[in-house]
N, C-alpha and C. Protein backbone atom coordinates (compact mmCIF):
# COMPACT_ATOMS: atom_id res chain seq x y z
N UNK A 1 58.15 -0.10 -68.97
CA UNK A 1 57.16 0.44 -70.01
C UNK A 1 56.63 1.39 -70.29
N UNK A 2 57.14 2.14 -71.21
CA UNK A 2 56.68 3.76 -71.13
C UNK A 2 55.25 3.60 -71.00
N UNK A 3 54.88 5.13 -70.32
CA UNK A 3 54.15 5.48 -69.79
C UNK A 3 54.13 6.94 -70.32
N UNK A 4 52.41 7.37 -71.47
CA UNK A 4 51.95 8.24 -71.75
C UNK A 4 50.93 9.05 -70.70
N UNK A 5 51.63 10.57 -70.45
CA UNK A 5 51.13 11.18 -69.58
C UNK A 5 50.41 12.61 -70.35
N UNK A 6 50.81 13.45 -70.53
CA UNK A 6 50.41 14.21 -70.85
C UNK A 6 51.37 15.28 -72.26
N UNK A 7 51.08 15.64 -72.90
CA UNK A 7 51.47 16.34 -74.02
C UNK A 7 50.74 17.15 -74.98
N UNK A 8 51.40 18.16 -75.57
CA UNK A 8 50.59 19.48 -75.67
C UNK A 8 50.84 19.24 -77.63
N UNK A 9 50.07 19.52 -78.41
CA UNK A 9 50.45 19.79 -79.47
C UNK A 9 49.61 21.33 -80.82
N UNK A 10 50.35 21.06 -81.71
CA UNK A 10 49.67 22.36 -82.77
C UNK A 10 49.49 21.74 -83.84
N UNK A 11 48.39 22.28 -84.92
CA UNK A 11 48.10 21.94 -86.18
C UNK A 11 48.62 22.78 -86.50
N UNK A 12 49.07 22.45 -87.83
CA UNK A 12 50.49 23.57 -88.37
C UNK A 12 49.83 24.50 -89.29
N UNK A 13 50.28 25.69 -89.46
CA UNK A 13 49.34 26.54 -89.80
C UNK A 13 49.78 27.79 -90.55
N UNK A 14 49.23 28.05 -91.47
CA UNK A 14 50.24 29.04 -91.38
C UNK A 14 49.87 30.59 -90.56
N UNK A 15 50.61 31.15 -89.89
CA UNK A 15 51.20 32.69 -89.01
C UNK A 15 49.88 32.66 -88.49
N UNK A 16 49.02 33.22 -89.69
CA UNK A 16 47.87 34.44 -89.51
C UNK A 16 47.01 33.28 -89.28
N UNK A 17 46.76 32.13 -89.83
CA UNK A 17 45.78 31.08 -89.62
C UNK A 17 46.54 30.39 -88.68
N UNK A 18 47.01 30.51 -87.69
CA UNK A 18 47.50 29.42 -86.32
C UNK A 18 46.43 28.95 -85.15
N UNK A 19 46.25 30.32 -84.93
CA UNK A 19 45.67 30.55 -83.52
C UNK A 19 44.07 29.74 -84.17
N UNK A 20 43.50 30.51 -84.97
CA UNK A 20 41.86 30.51 -84.72
C UNK A 20 42.03 28.35 -85.72
N UNK A 21 43.34 28.34 -86.29
CA UNK A 21 42.42 27.04 -86.59
C UNK A 21 42.97 26.61 -85.60
N UNK A 22 43.75 26.15 -84.04
CA UNK A 22 44.26 25.46 -83.47
C UNK A 22 42.87 26.08 -82.47
N UNK A 23 41.96 26.82 -82.50
CA UNK A 23 40.88 27.16 -81.26
C UNK A 23 39.91 26.50 -82.07
N UNK A 24 39.57 25.94 -83.87
CA UNK A 24 38.78 25.59 -83.94
C UNK A 24 38.87 24.63 -83.98
N UNK A 25 40.26 23.54 -84.32
CA UNK A 25 40.17 22.20 -84.40
C UNK A 25 39.59 21.51 -82.52
N UNK A 26 40.16 22.05 -81.70
CA UNK A 26 39.94 22.00 -80.52
C UNK A 26 37.87 21.99 -79.94
N UNK A 27 37.91 23.00 -80.84
CA UNK A 27 36.45 23.24 -80.35
C UNK A 27 35.16 21.16 -81.49
N UNK A 28 36.32 21.49 -82.28
CA UNK A 28 35.91 20.78 -83.04
C UNK A 28 35.67 18.95 -82.19
N UNK A 29 36.85 19.02 -81.72
CA UNK A 29 36.86 17.32 -81.72
C UNK A 29 36.19 17.41 -79.82
N UNK A 30 36.24 18.72 -79.29
CA UNK A 30 34.71 18.53 -78.07
C UNK A 30 33.40 18.52 -78.97
N UNK A 31 32.96 19.37 -79.79
CA UNK A 31 31.67 19.27 -80.34
C UNK A 31 31.89 17.80 -80.81
N UNK A 32 32.33 16.95 -80.70
CA UNK A 32 32.28 15.79 -82.06
C UNK A 32 32.02 15.08 -80.81
N UNK A 33 32.56 14.69 -79.75
CA UNK A 33 31.78 14.36 -78.42
C UNK A 33 32.88 12.36 -78.18
N UNK A 34 33.55 11.90 -79.20
CA UNK A 34 34.53 11.11 -79.14
C UNK A 34 35.62 10.97 -77.96
N UNK A 35 35.86 12.26 -78.39
CA UNK A 35 36.93 12.91 -76.84
C UNK A 35 36.66 14.01 -76.36
N UNK A 36 37.54 14.34 -75.34
CA UNK A 36 37.45 15.64 -75.24
C UNK A 36 38.79 15.81 -74.63
N UNK A 37 39.40 17.12 -75.34
CA UNK A 37 41.30 17.56 -75.14
C UNK A 37 40.30 18.81 -74.47
N UNK A 38 41.08 19.38 -74.29
CA UNK A 38 41.53 21.23 -73.97
C UNK A 38 42.98 21.78 -74.60
N UNK A 39 42.86 23.40 -73.92
CA UNK A 39 44.12 23.48 -74.63
C UNK A 39 44.80 24.40 -73.47
N UNK A 40 45.77 25.21 -73.85
CA UNK A 40 46.32 25.94 -72.31
C UNK A 40 47.53 26.81 -73.97
N UNK A 41 48.31 27.90 -73.90
CA UNK A 41 49.14 28.12 -74.20
C UNK A 41 50.71 27.75 -73.69
N UNK A 42 51.60 28.11 -74.86
CA UNK A 42 53.16 27.43 -74.39
C UNK A 42 53.73 28.42 -75.41
N UNK A 43 55.01 29.12 -74.96
CA UNK A 43 55.20 30.58 -74.89
C UNK A 43 54.24 31.37 -76.25
N UNK A 44 53.53 31.55 -75.39
CA UNK A 44 52.59 32.31 -75.79
C UNK A 44 51.01 32.01 -76.96
N UNK A 45 51.83 31.28 -78.08
CA UNK A 45 50.67 30.12 -79.53
C UNK A 45 49.63 29.09 -77.72
N UNK A 46 48.66 29.27 -78.01
CA UNK A 46 47.55 28.31 -78.15
C UNK A 46 48.30 26.94 -78.86
N UNK A 47 48.53 25.43 -78.09
CA UNK A 47 48.62 24.79 -77.76
C UNK A 47 47.14 23.30 -77.32
N UNK A 48 47.33 22.11 -77.85
CA UNK A 48 45.71 21.32 -77.62
C UNK A 48 46.78 20.59 -76.42
N UNK A 49 45.86 19.92 -75.79
CA UNK A 49 46.86 19.41 -74.92
C UNK A 49 46.01 17.59 -74.64
N UNK A 50 46.54 16.87 -74.65
CA UNK A 50 46.51 15.04 -74.90
C UNK A 50 47.41 15.00 -73.36
N UNK A 51 45.74 14.76 -72.53
CA UNK A 51 46.13 13.79 -71.66
C UNK A 51 45.49 12.37 -71.50
N UNK A 52 46.85 11.74 -71.18
CA UNK A 52 46.19 10.11 -70.54
C UNK A 52 46.70 9.64 -68.97
N UNK A 53 45.16 9.45 -68.39
CA UNK A 53 45.64 9.36 -66.65
C UNK A 53 44.86 8.06 -66.28
N UNK A 54 44.13 7.60 -67.31
CA UNK A 54 43.19 6.35 -66.04
C UNK A 54 44.50 4.98 -66.65
N UNK A 55 44.91 4.42 -65.96
CA UNK A 55 45.59 3.01 -65.52
C UNK A 55 44.97 2.29 -66.79
N UNK A 56 43.21 2.55 -66.73
CA UNK A 56 42.61 1.73 -67.97
C UNK A 56 42.99 1.37 -69.17
N UNK A 57 42.95 3.16 -69.49
CA UNK A 57 43.60 3.27 -71.22
C UNK A 57 44.27 2.28 -71.46
N UNK A 58 43.47 2.12 -72.65
CA UNK A 58 44.32 1.01 -73.87
C UNK A 58 44.98 1.84 -75.01
N UNK A 59 45.78 1.13 -75.81
CA UNK A 59 46.40 1.07 -77.06
C UNK A 59 45.16 1.92 -77.67
N UNK A 60 44.16 0.95 -78.28
CA UNK A 60 42.96 0.86 -78.90
C UNK A 60 42.18 2.90 -78.39
N UNK A 61 42.55 2.96 -77.77
CA UNK A 61 42.10 4.61 -77.33
C UNK A 61 42.64 5.34 -77.78
N UNK A 62 43.94 5.25 -77.30
CA UNK A 62 45.24 6.12 -77.72
C UNK A 62 44.89 6.07 -79.43
N UNK A 63 44.94 5.33 -80.40
CA UNK A 63 44.64 5.29 -81.59
C UNK A 63 43.52 5.79 -81.65
N UNK A 64 42.07 5.77 -80.82
CA UNK A 64 41.27 6.74 -81.65
C UNK A 64 41.05 7.84 -81.83
N UNK A 65 41.58 8.38 -80.59
CA UNK A 65 41.81 9.71 -80.08
C UNK A 65 42.89 10.26 -81.69
N UNK A 66 43.98 9.82 -81.42
CA UNK A 66 44.32 9.87 -83.44
C UNK A 66 43.68 10.12 -84.61
N UNK A 67 43.21 9.03 -84.68
CA UNK A 67 42.62 9.13 -85.21
C UNK A 67 41.75 10.02 -85.81
N UNK A 68 40.65 10.49 -84.65
CA UNK A 68 39.52 11.81 -84.23
C UNK A 68 40.07 13.15 -84.87
N UNK A 69 41.49 12.53 -84.21
CA UNK A 69 42.37 14.67 -84.24
C UNK A 69 42.54 14.82 -85.91
N UNK A 70 42.95 13.89 -86.28
CA UNK A 70 43.94 13.85 -88.01
C UNK A 70 42.39 13.64 -88.89
N UNK A 71 41.60 12.84 -88.12
CA UNK A 71 39.87 13.52 -88.71
C UNK A 71 39.19 14.44 -89.04
N UNK A 72 39.32 15.26 -88.36
CA UNK A 72 38.72 16.93 -87.59
C UNK A 72 39.56 17.65 -88.05
N UNK A 73 41.40 17.60 -88.34
CA UNK A 73 41.77 18.44 -88.28
C UNK A 73 41.53 18.57 -90.49
N UNK A 74 41.90 17.29 -90.92
CA UNK A 74 41.62 17.06 -92.01
C UNK A 74 40.69 17.69 -92.94
N UNK A 75 39.31 18.00 -91.77
CA UNK A 75 38.29 18.74 -92.49
C UNK A 75 38.38 19.85 -92.13
N UNK A 76 39.22 20.64 -91.59
CA UNK A 76 39.63 22.11 -91.33
C UNK A 76 40.35 22.30 -92.29
N UNK A 77 40.81 21.52 -92.72
CA UNK A 77 41.77 21.84 -93.91
C UNK A 77 41.16 21.87 -94.88
N UNK A 78 40.30 21.25 -95.51
CA UNK A 78 39.11 20.84 -96.81
C UNK A 78 40.37 19.97 -97.30
N UNK A 79 41.52 18.48 -96.20
CA UNK A 79 41.63 17.83 -96.81
C UNK A 79 40.77 16.95 -97.22
């Protein structure tokens, strides 16, 4: 079975807004408190890190994280 470990992603945004929006997204995620993510740089650009390291992590945990990320990204974009 596939194992999810670590991947990075970015919120798509116009180049002039990309850094600000991605930093704002990771801050909003962590301020929200339901999940905690970190950021890094990939090719000099901010990327948000998603890590699943616990053996007890269930599919529902990943779905919750996805839902939280989408919800907060939508708020930032005004959707």
